[in-house]
Structures are given as C-alpha cells and as structure tokens.
All heavy atoms as atom14 arrays in JSON, in Angstrom:
{
  "sequence": "LATIRAEPALRDADVLLLQEMDEDATRRVAEEMGMRWVYYPALWHYK",
  "atom14_mask": [
    [1, 1, 1, 1, 1, 1, 1, 1, 0, 0, 0, 0, 0, 0],
    [1, 1, 1, 1, 1, 0, 0, 0, 0, 0, 0, 0, 0, 0],
    [1, 1, 1, 1, 1, 1, 1, 0, 0, 0, 0, 0, 0, 0],
    [1, 1, 1, 1, 1, 1, 1, 1, 0, 0, 0, 0, 0, 0],
    [1, 1, 1, 1, 1, 1, 1, 1, 1, 1, 1, 0, 0, 0],
    [1, 1, 1, 1, 1, 0, 0, 0, 0, 0, 0, 0, 0, 0],
    [1, 1, 1, 1, 1, 1, 1, 1, 1, 0, 0, 0, 0, 0],
    [1, 1, 1, 1, 1, 1, 1, 0, 0, 0, 0, 0, 0, 0],
    [1, 1, 1, 1, 1, 0, 0, 0, 0, 0, 0, 0, 0, 0],
    [1, 1, 1, 1, 1, 1, 1, 1, 0, 0, 0, 0, 0, 0],
    [1, 1, 1, 1, 1, 1, 1, 1, 1, 1, 1, 0, 0, 0],
    [1, 1, 1, 1, 1, 1, 1, 1, 0, 0, 0, 0, 0, 0],
    [1, 1, 1, 1, 1, 0, 0, 0, 0, 0, 0, 0, 0, 0],
    [1, 1, 1, 1, 1, 1, 1, 1, 0, 0, 0, 0, 0, 0],
    [1, 1, 1, 1, 1, 1, 1, 0, 0, 0, 0, 0, 0, 0],
    [1, 1, 1, 1, 1, 1, 1, 1, 0, 0, 0, 0, 0, 0],
    [1, 1, 1, 1, 1, 1, 1, 1, 0, 0, 0, 0, 0, 0],
    [1, 1, 1, 1, 1, 1, 1, 1, 0, 0, 0, 0, 0, 0],
    [1, 1, 1, 1, 1, 1, 1, 1, 1, 0, 0, 0, 0, 0],
    [1, 1, 1, 1, 1, 1, 1, 1, 1, 0, 0, 0, 0, 0],
    [1, 1, 1, 1, 1, 1, 1, 1, 0, 0, 0, 0, 0, 0],
    [1, 1, 1, 1, 1, 1, 1, 1, 0, 0, 0, 0, 0, 0],
    [1, 1, 1, 1, 1, 1, 1, 1, 1, 0, 0, 0, 0, 0],
    [1, 1, 1, 1, 1, 1, 1, 1, 0, 0, 0, 0, 0, 0],
    [1, 1, 1, 1, 1, 0, 0, 0, 0, 0, 0, 0, 0, 0],
    [1, 1, 1, 1, 1, 1, 1, 0, 0, 0, 0, 0, 0, 0],
    [1, 1, 1, 1, 1, 1, 1, 1, 1, 1, 1, 0, 0, 0],
    [1, 1, 1, 1, 1, 1, 1, 1, 1, 1, 1, 0, 0, 0],
    [1, 1, 1, 1, 1, 1, 1, 0, 0, 0, 0, 0, 0, 0],
    [1, 1, 1, 1, 1, 0, 0, 0, 0, 0, 0, 0, 0, 0],
    [1, 1, 1, 1, 1, 1, 1, 1, 1, 0, 0, 0, 0, 0],
    [1, 1, 1, 1, 1, 1, 1, 1, 1, 0, 0, 0, 0, 0],
    [1, 1, 1, 1, 1, 1, 1, 1, 0, 0, 0, 0, 0, 0],
    [1, 1, 1, 1, 0, 0, 0, 0, 0, 0, 0, 0, 0, 0],
    [1, 1, 1, 1, 1, 1, 1, 1, 0, 0, 0, 0, 0, 0],
    [1, 1, 1, 1, 1, 1, 1, 1, 1, 1, 1, 0, 0, 0],
    [1, 1, 1, 1, 1, 1, 1, 1, 1, 1, 1, 1, 1, 1],
    [1, 1, 1, 1, 1, 1, 1, 0, 0, 0, 0, 0, 0, 0],
    [1, 1, 1, 1, 1, 1, 1, 1, 1, 1, 1, 1, 0, 0],
    [1, 1, 1, 1, 1, 1, 1, 1, 1, 1, 1, 1, 0, 0],
    [1, 1, 1, 1, 1, 1, 1, 0, 0, 0, 0, 0, 0, 0],
    [1, 1, 1, 1, 1, 0, 0, 0, 0, 0, 0, 0, 0, 0],
    [1, 1, 1, 1, 1, 1, 1, 1, 0, 0, 0, 0, 0, 0],
    [1, 1, 1, 1, 1, 1, 1, 1, 1, 1, 1, 1, 1, 1],
    [1, 1, 1, 1, 1, 1, 1, 1, 1, 1, 0, 0, 0, 0],
    [1, 1, 1, 1, 1, 1, 1, 1, 1, 1, 1, 1, 0, 0],
    [1, 1, 1, 1, 1, 1, 1, 1, 1, 0, 0, 0, 0, 0]
  ],
  "atom14_positions": [
    [[-22.98, -34.3, 3.5], [-23.99, -33.52, 2.79], [-24.04, -32.09, 3.3], [-24.23, -31.14, 2.51], [-25.36, -34.19, 2.94], [-25.54, -35.47, 2.13], [-26.85, -36.16, 2.5], [-25.5, -35.18, 0.64], [0.0, 0.0, 0.0], [0.0, 0.0, 0.0], [0.0, 0.0, 0.0], [0.0, 0.0, 0.0], [0.0, 0.0, 0.0], [0.0, 0.0, 0.0]],
    [[-23.86, -31.89, 4.6], [-23.82, -30.54, 5.14], [-22.64, -29.76, 4.56], [-22.75, -28.57, 4.23], [-23.74, -30.58, 6.66], [0.0, 0.0, 0.0], [0.0, 0.0, 0.0], [0.0, 0.0, 0.0], [0.0, 0.0, 0.0], [0.0, 0.0, 0.0], [0.0, 0.0, 0.0], [0.0, 0.0, 0.0], [0.0, 0.0, 0.0], [0.0, 0.0, 0.0]],
    [[-21.5, -30.44, 4.43], [-20.32, -29.81, 3.84], [-20.58, -29.45, 2.38], [-20.24, -28.35, 1.92], [-19.11, -30.74, 3.96], [-18.85, -31.02, 5.33], [-17.86, -30.11, 3.33], [0.0, 0.0, 0.0], [0.0, 0.0, 0.0], [0.0, 0.0, 0.0], [0.0, 0.0, 0.0], [0.0, 0.0, 0.0], [0.0, 0.0, 0.0], [0.0, 0.0, 0.0]],
    [[-21.17, -30.38, 1.64], [-21.46, -30.14, 0.22], [-22.4, -28.95, 0.06], [-22.19, -28.08, -0.8], [-22.05, -31.42, -0.41], [-20.96, -32.5, -0.53], [-22.66, -31.12, -1.78], [-21.5, -33.86, -0.88], [0.0, 0.0, 0.0], [0.0, 0.0, 0.0], [0.0, 0.0, 0.0], [0.0, 0.0, 0.0], [0.0, 0.0, 0.0], [0.0, 0.0, 0.0]],
    [[-23.42, -28.89, 0.9], [-24.37, -27.77, 0.8], [-23.71, -26.43, 1.12], [-24.06, -25.4, 0.56], [-25.54, -28.0, 1.75], [-26.53, -29.05, 1.28], [-27.79, -29.05, 2.13], [-27.54, -29.52, 3.48], [-27.73, -30.77, 3.89], [-28.16, -31.68, 3.03], [-27.48, -31.12, 5.14], [0.0, 0.0, 0.0], [0.0, 0.0, 0.0], [0.0, 0.0, 0.0]],
    [[-22.72, -26.46, 2.03], [-22.11, -25.21, 2.5], [-21.01, -24.7, 1.58], [-20.66, -23.52, 1.65], [-21.53, -25.42, 3.91], [0.0, 0.0, 0.0], [0.0, 0.0, 0.0], [0.0, 0.0, 0.0], [0.0, 0.0, 0.0], [0.0, 0.0, 0.0], [0.0, 0.0, 0.0], [0.0, 0.0, 0.0], [0.0, 0.0, 0.0], [0.0, 0.0, 0.0]],
    [[-20.46, -25.56, 0.73], [-19.3, -25.2, -0.08], [-19.68, -25.1, -1.55], [-19.98, -26.12, -2.19], [-18.18, -26.23, 0.1], [-17.63, -26.32, 1.51], [-16.8, -25.09, 1.88], [-16.41, -24.33, 0.97], [-16.53, -24.92, 3.08], [0.0, 0.0, 0.0], [0.0, 0.0, 0.0], [0.0, 0.0, 0.0], [0.0, 0.0, 0.0], [0.0, 0.0, 0.0]],
    [[-19.65, -23.91, -2.14], [-20.03, -23.77, -3.55], [-19.23, -24.66, -4.5], [-19.78, -25.15, -5.49], [-19.77, -22.28, -3.84], [-19.89, -21.62, -2.5], [-19.36, -22.61, -1.5], [0.0, 0.0, 0.0], [0.0, 0.0, 0.0], [0.0, 0.0, 0.0], [0.0, 0.0, 0.0], [0.0, 0.0, 0.0], [0.0, 0.0, 0.0], [0.0, 0.0, 0.0]],
    [[-17.94, -24.88, -4.22], [-17.11, -25.71, -5.1], [-17.6, -27.15, -5.15], [-17.38, -27.85, -6.14], [-15.66, -25.67, -4.66], [0.0, 0.0, 0.0], [0.0, 0.0, 0.0], [0.0, 0.0, 0.0], [0.0, 0.0, 0.0], [0.0, 0.0, 0.0], [0.0, 0.0, 0.0], [0.0, 0.0, 0.0], [0.0, 0.0, 0.0], [0.0, 0.0, 0.0]],
    [[-18.26, -27.61, -4.08], [-18.86, -28.94, -4.06], [-20.32, -28.89, -4.51], [-20.75, -29.7, -5.34], [-18.77, -29.54, -2.65], [-17.38, -29.68, -2.04], [-17.47, -30.29, -0.65], [-16.47, -30.52, -2.93], [0.0, 0.0, 0.0], [0.0, 0.0, 0.0], [0.0, 0.0, 0.0], [0.0, 0.0, 0.0], [0.0, 0.0, 0.0], [0.0, 0.0, 0.0]],
    [[-21.06, -27.94, -3.98], [-22.49, -27.84, -4.27], [-22.75, -27.61, -5.76], [-23.72, -28.14, -6.32], [-23.08, -26.68, -3.46], [-24.58, -26.51, -3.59], [-25.06, -25.33, -2.76], [-24.54, -24.05, -3.23], [-23.82, -23.21, -2.49], [-23.51, -23.5, -1.24], [-23.4, -22.04, -3.0], [0.0, 0.0, 0.0], [0.0, 0.0, 0.0], [0.0, 0.0, 0.0]],
    [[-21.88, -26.84, -6.42], [-22.09, -26.48, -7.82], [-21.28, -27.33, -8.79], [-21.22, -27.02, -9.99], [-21.74, -25.0, -8.03], [-22.6, -24.08, -7.19], [-23.76, -24.47, -6.88], [-22.14, -22.98, -6.85], [0.0, 0.0, 0.0], [0.0, 0.0, 0.0], [0.0, 0.0, 0.0], [0.0, 0.0, 0.0], [0.0, 0.0, 0.0], [0.0, 0.0, 0.0]],
    [[-20.66, -28.4, -8.3], [-19.82, -29.24, -9.17], [-20.66, -29.87, -10.28], [-21.78, -30.32, -10.05], [-19.12, -30.32, -8.35], [0.0, 0.0, 0.0], [0.0, 0.0, 0.0], [0.0, 0.0, 0.0], [0.0, 0.0, 0.0], [0.0, 0.0, 0.0], [0.0, 0.0, 0.0], [0.0, 0.0, 0.0], [0.0, 0.0, 0.0], [0.0, 0.0, 0.0]],
    [[-20.11, -29.92, -11.49], [-20.72, -30.66, -12.59], [-20.39, -32.14, -12.5], [-21.15, -32.99, -12.95], [-20.24, -30.12, -13.94], [-20.59, -28.67, -14.15], [-21.78, -28.33, -14.03], [-19.67, -27.87, -14.43], [0.0, 0.0, 0.0], [0.0, 0.0, 0.0], [0.0, 0.0, 0.0], [0.0, 0.0, 0.0], [0.0, 0.0, 0.0], [0.0, 0.0, 0.0]],
    [[-19.2, -32.43, -11.96], [-18.73, -33.8, -11.78], [-18.21, -33.93, -10.35], [-17.39, -33.13, -9.91], [-17.59, -34.14, -12.77], [-16.99, -35.51, -12.46], [-18.11, -34.1, -14.2], [0.0, 0.0, 0.0], [0.0, 0.0, 0.0], [0.0, 0.0, 0.0], [0.0, 0.0, 0.0], [0.0, 0.0, 0.0], [0.0, 0.0, 0.0], [0.0, 0.0, 0.0]],
    [[-18.71, -34.93, -9.64], [-18.27, -35.19, -8.27], [-17.78, -36.63, -8.19], [-18.52, -37.57, -8.51], [-19.42, -34.96, -7.28], [-19.11, -35.21, -5.8], [-18.0, -34.29, -5.31], [-20.37, -35.01, -4.96], [0.0, 0.0, 0.0], [0.0, 0.0, 0.0], [0.0, 0.0, 0.0], [0.0, 0.0, 0.0], [0.0, 0.0, 0.0], [0.0, 0.0, 0.0]],
    [[-16.52, -36.79, -7.79], [-15.89, -38.1, -7.68], [-15.82, -38.48, -6.2], [-15.29, -37.71, -5.39], [-14.48, -38.06, -8.28], [-14.39, -37.45, -9.68], [-12.94, -37.37, -10.13], [-15.22, -38.24, -10.67], [0.0, 0.0, 0.0], [0.0, 0.0, 0.0], [0.0, 0.0, 0.0], [0.0, 0.0, 0.0], [0.0, 0.0, 0.0], [0.0, 0.0, 0.0]],
    [[-16.35, -39.64, -5.86], [-16.41, -40.07, -4.47], [-15.69, -41.41, -4.3], [-15.78, -42.28, -5.17], [-17.87, -40.24, -4.02], [-18.75, -38.99, -4.11], [-20.19, -39.34, -3.73], [-18.22, -37.87, -3.22], [0.0, 0.0, 0.0], [0.0, 0.0, 0.0], [0.0, 0.0, 0.0], [0.0, 0.0, 0.0], [0.0, 0.0, 0.0], [0.0, 0.0, 0.0]],
    [[-14.98, -41.55, -3.18], [-14.29, -42.8, -2.86], [-14.72, -43.28, -1.47], [-15.22, -42.51, -0.66], [-12.77, -42.61, -2.89], [-12.23, -42.11, -4.23], [-12.27, -40.6, -4.34], [-11.89, -39.89, -3.41], [-12.73, -40.11, -5.48], [0.0, 0.0, 0.0], [0.0, 0.0, 0.0], [0.0, 0.0, 0.0], [0.0, 0.0, 0.0], [0.0, 0.0, 0.0]],
    [[-14.48, -44.58, -1.25], [-14.85, -45.27, 0.0], [-16.36, -45.19, 0.24], [-16.84, -44.93, 1.34], [-14.07, -44.73, 1.21], [-12.57, -44.95, 1.1], [-11.84, -44.84, 2.43], [-12.46, -45.01, 3.5], [-10.61, -44.61, 2.39], [0.0, 0.0, 0.0], [0.0, 0.0, 0.0], [0.0, 0.0, 0.0], [0.0, 0.0, 0.0], [0.0, 0.0, 0.0]],
    [[-17.1, -45.48, -0.82], [-18.56, -45.37, -0.78], [-19.21, -46.74, -0.81], [-18.62, -47.74, -1.21], [-19.04, -44.56, -1.99], [-18.51, -43.15, -2.06], [-19.03, -42.13, -0.65], [-20.76, -41.88, -1.06], [0.0, 0.0, 0.0], [0.0, 0.0, 0.0], [0.0, 0.0, 0.0], [0.0, 0.0, 0.0], [0.0, 0.0, 0.0], [0.0, 0.0, 0.0]],
    [[-20.48, -46.78, -0.39], [-21.36, -47.9, -0.71], [-22.49, -47.35, -1.57], [-22.59, -46.14, -1.8], [-21.87, -48.59, 0.56], [-22.71, -47.67, 1.44], [-23.65, -47.02, 0.92], [-22.44, -47.59, 2.65], [0.0, 0.0, 0.0], [0.0, 0.0, 0.0], [0.0, 0.0, 0.0], [0.0, 0.0, 0.0], [0.0, 0.0, 0.0], [0.0, 0.0, 0.0]],
    [[-23.34, -48.24, -2.07], [-24.36, -47.8, -3.03], [-25.42, -46.91, -2.39], [-25.9, -45.96, -3.04], [-25.0, -49.0, -3.72], [-25.71, -49.98, -2.83], [-24.79, -51.06, -2.26], [-23.56, -50.84, -2.2], [-25.31, -52.12, -1.87], [0.0, 0.0, 0.0], [0.0, 0.0, 0.0], [0.0, 0.0, 0.0], [0.0, 0.0, 0.0], [0.0, 0.0, 0.0]],
    [[-25.8, -47.18, -1.15], [-26.83, -46.35, -0.52], [-26.34, -44.93, -0.26], [-27.07, -43.96, -0.47], [-27.29, -47.0, 0.79], [-28.09, -48.27, 0.56], [-28.67, -48.41, -0.54], [-28.11, -49.14, 1.45], [0.0, 0.0, 0.0], [0.0, 0.0, 0.0], [0.0, 0.0, 0.0], [0.0, 0.0, 0.0], [0.0, 0.0, 0.0], [0.0, 0.0, 0.0]],
    [[-25.1, -44.81, 0.21], [-24.53, -43.48, 0.45], [-24.38, -42.72, -0.86], [-24.65, -41.51, -0.94], [-23.19, -43.6, 1.16], [0.0, 0.0, 0.0], [0.0, 0.0, 0.0], [0.0, 0.0, 0.0], [0.0, 0.0, 0.0], [0.0, 0.0, 0.0], [0.0, 0.0, 0.0], [0.0, 0.0, 0.0], [0.0, 0.0, 0.0], [0.0, 0.0, 0.0]],
    [[-23.96, -43.42, -1.91], [-23.83, -42.78, -3.22], [-25.18, -42.25, -3.7], [-25.3, -41.12, -4.19], [-23.26, -43.76, -4.25], [-21.99, -44.24, -3.8], [-23.09, -43.1, -5.6], [0.0, 0.0, 0.0], [0.0, 0.0, 0.0], [0.0, 0.0, 0.0], [0.0, 0.0, 0.0], [0.0, 0.0, 0.0], [0.0, 0.0, 0.0], [0.0, 0.0, 0.0]],
    [[-26.21, -43.08, -3.55], [-27.55, -42.67, -3.96], [-28.03, -41.44, -3.19], [-28.61, -40.52, -3.76], [-28.52, -43.84, -3.74], [-29.93, -43.58, -4.28], [-30.85, -44.77, -4.02], [-30.4, -45.95, -4.75], [-29.84, -47.03, -4.18], [-29.64, -47.06, -2.87], [-29.48, -48.05, -4.91], [0.0, 0.0, 0.0], [0.0, 0.0, 0.0], [0.0, 0.0, 0.0]],
    [[-27.74, -41.41, -1.9], [-28.16, -40.26, -1.07], [-27.5, -38.97, -1.54], [-28.16, -37.94, -1.68], [-27.81, -40.51, 0.39], [-28.75, -41.41, 1.13], [-28.46, -41.35, 2.61], [-28.68, -40.02, 3.15], [-28.27, -39.61, 4.35], [-27.58, -40.43, 5.13], [-28.51, -38.38, 4.76], [0.0, 0.0, 0.0], [0.0, 0.0, 0.0], [0.0, 0.0, 0.0]],
    [[-26.19, -39.03, -1.77], [-25.47, -37.83, -2.2], [-25.97, -37.39, -3.58], [-26.22, -36.2, -3.82], [-23.96, -38.06, -2.21], [-23.23, -36.83, -2.77], [-23.45, -38.37, -0.8], [0.0, 0.0, 0.0], [0.0, 0.0, 0.0], [0.0, 0.0, 0.0], [0.0, 0.0, 0.0], [0.0, 0.0, 0.0], [0.0, 0.0, 0.0], [0.0, 0.0, 0.0]],
    [[-26.13, -38.35, -4.49], [-26.57, -38.01, -5.84], [-27.96, -37.4, -5.83], [-28.24, -36.43, -6.56], [-26.55, -39.27, -6.71], [0.0, 0.0, 0.0], [0.0, 0.0, 0.0], [0.0, 0.0, 0.0], [0.0, 0.0, 0.0], [0.0, 0.0, 0.0], [0.0, 0.0, 0.0], [0.0, 0.0, 0.0], [0.0, 0.0, 0.0], [0.0, 0.0, 0.0]],
    [[-28.85, -37.94, -5.02], [-30.22, -37.41, -4.95], [-30.2, -35.98, -4.39], [-30.91, -35.1, -4.88], [-31.08, -38.32, -4.09], [-32.56, -38.02, -4.16], [-33.14, -38.19, -5.56], [-32.81, -39.19, -6.24], [-33.91, -37.3, -5.98], [0.0, 0.0, 0.0], [0.0, 0.0, 0.0], [0.0, 0.0, 0.0], [0.0, 0.0, 0.0], [0.0, 0.0, 0.0]],
    [[-29.38, -35.77, -3.36], [-29.26, -34.44, -2.77], [-28.73, -33.44, -3.8], [-29.17, -32.29, -3.85], [-28.33, -34.49, -1.57], [-27.99, -33.15, -0.95], [-29.09, -32.62, -0.05], [-29.98, -33.4, 0.33], [-29.04, -31.42, 0.28], [0.0, 0.0, 0.0], [0.0, 0.0, 0.0], [0.0, 0.0, 0.0], [0.0, 0.0, 0.0], [0.0, 0.0, 0.0]],
    [[-27.79, -33.89, -4.62], [-27.15, -33.01, -5.6], [-27.95, -32.91, -6.9], [-27.65, -32.07, -7.74], [-25.75, -33.55, -5.91], [-24.8, -33.56, -4.73], [-24.05, -31.97, -4.48], [-22.85, -31.94, -5.81], [0.0, 0.0, 0.0], [0.0, 0.0, 0.0], [0.0, 0.0, 0.0], [0.0, 0.0, 0.0], [0.0, 0.0, 0.0], [0.0, 0.0, 0.0]],
    [[-28.93, -33.78, -7.1], [-29.67, -33.81, -8.36], [-28.8, -34.26, -9.51], [-28.88, -33.72, -10.62], [0.0, 0.0, 0.0], [0.0, 0.0, 0.0], [0.0, 0.0, 0.0], [0.0, 0.0, 0.0], [0.0, 0.0, 0.0], [0.0, 0.0, 0.0], [0.0, 0.0, 0.0], [0.0, 0.0, 0.0], [0.0, 0.0, 0.0], [0.0, 0.0, 0.0]],
    [[-27.98, -35.31, -9.28], [-27.0, -35.76, -10.26], [-27.23, -37.21, -10.66], [-27.71, -38.02, -9.87], [-25.58, -35.6, -9.7], [-25.21, -34.18, -9.33], [-23.56, -34.03, -8.59], [-22.54, -33.94, -10.07], [0.0, 0.0, 0.0], [0.0, 0.0, 0.0], [0.0, 0.0, 0.0], [0.0, 0.0, 0.0], [0.0, 0.0, 0.0], [0.0, 0.0, 0.0]],
    [[-26.87, -37.53, -11.88], [-26.81, -38.91, -12.33], [-25.59, -39.57, -11.69], [-24.61, -38.89, -11.38], [-26.71, -38.95, -13.85], [-27.86, -38.21, -14.55], [-27.52, -37.91, -15.99], [-28.62, -37.22, -16.67], [-28.79, -35.91, -16.72], [-27.91, -35.1, -16.12], [-29.81, -35.38, -17.35], [0.0, 0.0, 0.0], [0.0, 0.0, 0.0], [0.0, 0.0, 0.0]],
    [[-25.61, -40.92, -11.57], [-24.49, -41.54, -10.88], [-24.27, -42.98, -11.33], [-25.18, -43.65, -11.8], [-24.7, -41.5, -9.37], [-25.93, -42.22, -8.87], [-27.21, -41.72, -8.84], [-26.0, -43.54, -8.34], [-28.07, -42.66, -8.31], [-27.36, -43.77, -8.0], [-25.07, -44.54, -8.11], [-27.8, -44.98, -7.45], [-25.49, -45.74, -7.56], [-26.84, -45.96, -7.23]],
    [[-23.02, -43.41, -11.17], [-22.65, -44.81, -11.35], [-21.64, -45.16, -10.27], [-20.77, -44.34, -9.94], [-22.1, -45.08, -12.76], [-20.82, -44.3, -13.05], [-21.87, -46.58, -12.96], [0.0, 0.0, 0.0], [0.0, 0.0, 0.0], [0.0, 0.0, 0.0], [0.0, 0.0, 0.0], [0.0, 0.0, 0.0], [0.0, 0.0, 0.0], [0.0, 0.0, 0.0]],
    [[-21.79, -46.35, -9.71], [-20.95, -46.77, -8.59], [-20.51, -48.22, -8.81], [-21.33, -49.08, -9.13], [-21.74, -46.66, -7.29], [-21.12, -47.39, -6.11], [-19.95, -46.92, -5.5], [-21.7, -48.55, -5.61], [-19.38, -47.6, -4.43], [-21.14, -49.23, -4.54], [-19.98, -48.76, -3.96], [-19.42, -49.43, -2.91], [0.0, 0.0, 0.0], [0.0, 0.0, 0.0]],
    [[-19.21, -48.46, -8.62], [-18.64, -49.81, -8.68], [-17.89, -50.09, -7.39], [-16.89, -49.44, -7.08], [-17.67, -49.93, -9.85], [-18.31, -50.08, -11.2], [-18.52, -48.97, -12.03], [-18.71, -51.33, -11.67], [-19.1, -49.1, -13.28], [-19.28, -51.48, -12.93], [-19.48, -50.37, -13.73], [-20.05, -50.5, -14.97], [0.0, 0.0, 0.0], [0.0, 0.0, 0.0]],
    [[-18.32, -51.08, -6.61], [-17.54, -51.47, -5.43], [-16.34, -52.33, -5.83], [-16.42, -53.13, -6.77], [-18.54, -52.27, -4.59], [-19.51, -52.83, -5.58], [-19.6, -51.82, -6.7], [0.0, 0.0, 0.0], [0.0, 0.0, 0.0], [0.0, 0.0, 0.0], [0.0, 0.0, 0.0], [0.0, 0.0, 0.0], [0.0, 0.0, 0.0], [0.0, 0.0, 0.0]],
    [[-15.25, -52.15, -5.1], [-14.09, -53.02, -5.27], [-14.27, -54.31, -4.49], [-13.8, -55.37, -4.9], [-12.83, -52.3, -4.8], [0.0, 0.0, 0.0], [0.0, 0.0, 0.0], [0.0, 0.0, 0.0], [0.0, 0.0, 0.0], [0.0, 0.0, 0.0], [0.0, 0.0, 0.0], [0.0, 0.0, 0.0], [0.0, 0.0, 0.0], [0.0, 0.0, 0.0]],
    [[-14.96, -54.21, -3.33], [-15.08, -55.37, -2.45], [-16.22, -55.18, -1.46], [-16.73, -54.07, -1.27], [-13.75, -55.59, -1.7], [-13.19, -54.41, -0.88], [-13.62, -54.51, 0.57], [-11.67, -54.38, -0.96], [0.0, 0.0, 0.0], [0.0, 0.0, 0.0], [0.0, 0.0, 0.0], [0.0, 0.0, 0.0], [0.0, 0.0, 0.0], [0.0, 0.0, 0.0]],
    [[-16.59, -56.3, -0.86], [-17.47, -56.29, 0.32], [-16.56, -56.26, 1.53], [-15.74, -57.15, 1.72], [-18.34, -57.53, 0.33], [-19.15, -57.7, 1.59], [-18.81, -58.4, 2.7], [-20.43, -57.11, 1.87], [-19.79, -58.3, 3.65], [-20.8, -57.52, 3.17], [-21.3, -56.29, 1.14], [-22.01, -57.14, 3.76], [-22.49, -55.91, 1.73], [-22.84, -56.33, 3.01]],
    [[-16.68, -55.2, 2.35], [-15.72, -55.0, 3.44], [-16.23, -55.65, 4.72], [-17.35, -55.41, 5.15], [-15.5, -53.5, 3.67], [-14.15, -53.18, 4.23], [-13.76, -53.53, 5.5], [-13.07, -52.56, 3.65], [-12.52, -53.13, 5.71], [-12.08, -52.55, 4.6], [0.0, 0.0, 0.0], [0.0, 0.0, 0.0], [0.0, 0.0, 0.0], [0.0, 0.0, 0.0]],
    [[-15.36, -56.48, 5.31], [-15.75, -57.19, 6.54], [-15.87, -56.26, 7.74], [-16.57, -56.57, 8.7], [-14.73, -58.29, 6.85], [-14.68, -59.41, 5.82], [-13.52, -60.16, 5.64], [-15.78, -59.7, 5.03], [-13.47, -61.18, 4.71], [-15.74, -60.71, 4.08], [-14.58, -61.45, 3.93], [-14.53, -62.46, 3.0], [0.0, 0.0, 0.0], [0.0, 0.0, 0.0]],
    [[-15.19, -55.11, 7.69], [-15.26, -54.17, 8.82], [-16.62, -53.48, 8.9], [-17.21, -53.36, 9.97], [-14.15, -53.12, 8.69], [-14.18, -52.04, 9.76], [-13.04, -51.04, 9.56], [-13.11, -49.92, 10.59], [-12.0, -48.93, 10.4], [0.0, 0.0, 0.0], [0.0, 0.0, 0.0], [0.0, 0.0, 0.0], [0.0, 0.0, 0.0], [0.0, 0.0, 0.0]]
  ]
}
C-alpha cells in the first residue's frame, strides 16, 4: 500500500491486477484505492 500510494502509475490506475492474493488483502487494497473488486482463489495454501 505504501508503494501504491507513492507511485502515480499504481495510485491512479483505473484497473489493477493482483496475484498471489487472499480475500482480506484484496479488500484492503481495494478499499485504500476506492475501487470495486472481484477475487477468485485457485486454492487454499497449506503454507
């Protein structure tokens, strides 16, 4: 989030694609950015 706030190319993006996410982290980033979001997990990771 600090990186996103500091970088105009991320902060001002109309579309932001994220990988290796979980739903809570996705929600946090979307709320910070003021963006709508949809998230699909591939798996529940044992690590």
